[in-house]
């Protein structure tokens, strides 16, 4: 069964105050279980530093947001049956 991400038909707009924690979630289904990856403005996001990947990559977590975290994030779910993507547009509001 090809991957399916809940809400993938439309972008998700998010705003967070600077220095606040936040999380983006990709609710994914598929058989076999899809591999989930994240990009920000077209560049791969890896776990480490201020980023945490939870639940097999299904959640991208930040301990504290910075202005430079603003951008377009894409969650991609892929398995042998297909691929699905969901876009998040993040705005970080200054203090």
C-alpha atoms as a PDB file:
ATOM      1  CA  UNK A   1       0.000   0.000   0.000  1.00  0.00           C
ATOM      2  CA  UNK A   2       1.461   3.349  -1.044  1.00  0.00           C
ATOM      3  CA  UNK A   3       2.280   5.857   1.705  1.00  0.00           C
ATOM      4  CA  UNK A   4      -0.394   8.346   2.674  1.00  0.00           C
ATOM      5  CA  UNK A   5       0.234  11.429   4.828  1.00  0.00           C
ATOM      6  CA  UNK A   6      -2.816  12.930   6.528  1.00  0.00           C
ATOM      7  CA  UNK A   7      -3.514  16.387   5.103  1.00  0.00           C
ATOM      8  CA  UNK A   8      -0.981  16.111   2.291  1.00  0.00           C
ATOM      9  CA  UNK A   9      -3.364  17.747  -0.198  1.00  0.00           C
ATOM     10  CA  UNK A  10      -2.775  21.199   1.314  1.00  0.00           C
ATOM     11  CA  UNK A  11       0.091  23.122   2.894  1.00  0.00           C
ATOM     12  CA  UNK A  12       0.085  23.603   6.649  1.00  0.00           C
ATOM     13  CA  UNK A  13       0.789  27.158   7.830  1.00  0.00           C
ATOM     14  CA  UNK A  14       2.537  27.378  11.209  1.00  0.00           C
ATOM     15  CA  UNK A  15       3.668  30.290  13.378  1.00  0.00           C
ATOM     16  CA  UNK A  16       5.789  30.060  16.491  1.00  0.00           C
ATOM     17  CA  UNK A  17       7.302  32.667  18.792  1.00  0.00           C
ATOM     18  CA  UNK A  18      11.092  32.850  18.789  1.00  0.00           C
ATOM     19  CA  UNK A  19      12.754  30.751  21.534  1.00  0.00           C
ATOM     20  CA  UNK A  20       9.661  28.523  21.910  1.00  0.00           C
ATOM     21  CA  UNK A  21       9.732  24.774  21.295  1.00  0.00           C
ATOM     22  CA  UNK A  22       7.692  23.421  18.407  1.00  0.00           C
ATOM     23  CA  UNK A  23       6.991  20.217  16.549  1.00  0.00           C
ATOM     24  CA  UNK A  24       5.799  19.289  13.065  1.00  0.00           C
ATOM     25  CA  UNK A  25       4.044  15.950  12.654  1.00  0.00           C
ATOM     26  CA  UNK A  26       3.618  13.685   9.638  1.00  0.00           C
ATOM     27  CA  UNK A  27       0.854  11.145  10.276  1.00  0.00           C
ATOM     28  CA  UNK A  28       1.893   8.429   7.811  1.00  0.00           C
ATOM     29  CA  UNK A  29       0.359   5.104   6.836  1.00  0.00           C
ATOM     30  CA  UNK A  30       1.553   2.539   4.307  1.00  0.00           C
ATOM     31  CA  UNK A  31       2.672  -1.071   3.867  1.00  0.00           C
ATOM     32  CA  UNK A  32       5.512  -1.756   4.174  1.00  0.00           C
ATOM     33  CA  UNK A  33       6.054   1.045   6.708  1.00  0.00           C
ATOM     34  CA  UNK A  34       7.346   4.063   4.777  1.00  0.00           C
ATOM     35  CA  UNK A  35      10.709   5.707   5.333  1.00  0.00           C
ATOM     36  CA  UNK A  36      10.129   9.317   6.408  1.00  0.00           C
ATOM     37  CA  UNK A  37      12.574  12.135   5.614  1.00  0.00           C
ATOM     38  CA  UNK A  38      12.460  15.927   6.060  1.00  0.00           C
ATOM     39  CA  UNK A  39      13.838  18.856   4.077  1.00  0.00           C
ATOM     40  CA  UNK A  40      13.920  22.590   4.778  1.00  0.00           C
ATOM     41  CA  UNK A  41      13.963  24.821   1.705  1.00  0.00           C
ATOM     42  CA  UNK A  42      15.164  21.808  -0.306  1.00  0.00           C
ATOM     43  CA  UNK A  43      18.016  20.811   2.054  1.00  0.00           C
ATOM     44  CA  UNK A  44      17.925  17.571   4.076  1.00  0.00           C
ATOM     45  CA  UNK A  45      17.197  17.977   7.791  1.00  0.00           C
ATOM     46  CA  UNK A  46      19.182  15.610  10.009  1.00  0.00           C
ATOM     47  CA  UNK A  47      18.797  14.811  13.667  1.00  0.00           C
ATOM     48  CA  UNK A  48      21.253  16.508  15.958  1.00  0.00           C
ATOM     49  CA  UNK A  49      21.913  19.882  17.472  1.00  0.00           C
ATOM     50  CA  UNK A  50      18.573  21.609  17.939  1.00  0.00           C
ATOM     51  CA  UNK A  51      16.586  19.164  15.768  1.00  0.00           C
ATOM     52  CA  UNK A  52      15.098  15.932  16.984  1.00  0.00           C
ATOM     53  CA  UNK A  53      13.401  13.275  14.876  1.00  0.00           C
ATOM     54  CA  UNK A  54      10.823  11.307  16.833  1.00  0.00           C
ATOM     55  CA  UNK A  55       8.669   8.274  16.072  1.00  0.00           C
ATOM     56  CA  UNK A  56      10.780   7.049  13.178  1.00  0.00           C
ATOM     57  CA  UNK A  57      10.974  10.517  11.643  1.00  0.00           C
ATOM     58  CA  UNK A  58       7.237  11.124  11.809  1.00  0.00           C
ATOM     59  CA  UNK A  59       7.809  14.183  14.022  1.00  0.00           C
ATOM     60  CA  UNK A  60      10.407  16.938  13.674  1.00  0.00           C
ATOM     61  CA  UNK A  61      11.002  18.668  16.999  1.00  0.00           C
ATOM     62  CA  UNK A  62      12.894  21.847  17.875  1.00  0.00           C
ATOM     63  CA  UNK A  63      13.885  22.658  21.459  1.00  0.00           C
ATOM     64  CA  UNK A  64      13.747  26.426  20.815  1.00  0.00           C
ATOM     65  CA  UNK A  65      12.879  28.186  17.578  1.00  0.00           C
ATOM     66  CA  UNK A  66      15.150  30.733  15.940  1.00  0.00           C
ATOM     67  CA  UNK A  67      14.296  33.229  13.204  1.00  0.00           C
ATOM     68  CA  UNK A  68      16.456  31.228  10.773  1.00  0.00           C
ATOM     69  CA  UNK A  69      14.191  28.199  11.294  1.00  0.00           C
ATOM     70  CA  UNK A  70      11.500  29.936   9.203  1.00  0.00           C
ATOM     71  CA  UNK A  71      10.963  28.381   5.797  1.00  0.00           C
ATOM     72  CA  UNK A  72       9.251  25.590   3.907  1.00  0.00           C
ATOM     73  CA  UNK A  73       9.607  22.114   5.381  1.00  0.00           C
ATOM     74  CA  UNK A  74       8.612  18.992   3.459  1.00  0.00           C
ATOM     75  CA  UNK A  75       7.911  15.620   5.012  1.00  0.00           C
ATOM     76  CA  UNK A  76       8.378  12.808   2.466  1.00  0.00           C
ATOM     77  CA  UNK A  77       7.133   9.258   3.043  1.00  0.00           C
ATOM     78  CA  UNK A  78       8.393   6.601   0.634  1.00  0.00           C
ATOM     79  CA  UNK A  79       8.164   2.816   0.284  1.00  0.00           C
ATOM     80  CA  UNK A  80       8.261   0.343  -2.624  1.00  0.00           C
ATOM     81  CA  UNK A  81       4.583   1.093  -3.392  1.00  0.00           C
ATOM     82  CA  UNK A  82       4.967   4.854  -3.811  1.00  0.00           C
ATOM     83  CA  UNK A  83       5.601   8.262  -2.289  1.00  0.00           C
ATOM     84  CA  UNK A  84       3.653  11.083  -0.613  1.00  0.00           C
ATOM     85  CA  UNK A  85       4.691  14.547   0.602  1.00  0.00           C
ATOM     86  CA  UNK A  86       3.364  17.198   2.958  1.00  0.00           C
ATOM     87  CA  UNK A  87       4.524  20.833   3.078  1.00  0.00           C
ATOM     88  CA  UNK A  88       4.719  23.005   6.172  1.00  0.00           C
ATOM     89  CA  UNK A  89       5.293  26.764   5.931  1.00  0.00           C
ATOM     90  CA  UNK A  90       6.866  27.946   9.187  1.00  0.00           C
ATOM     91  CA  UNK A  91       6.975  31.561  10.305  1.00  0.00           C
ATOM     92  CA  UNK A  92       9.043  32.459  13.403  1.00  0.00           C
ATOM     93  CA  UNK A  93       7.852  35.601  15.135  1.00  0.00           C
ATOM     94  CA  UNK A  94      10.450  37.758  16.949  1.00  0.00           C
ATOM     95  CA  UNK A  95      10.114  38.552  20.626  1.00  0.00           C
END
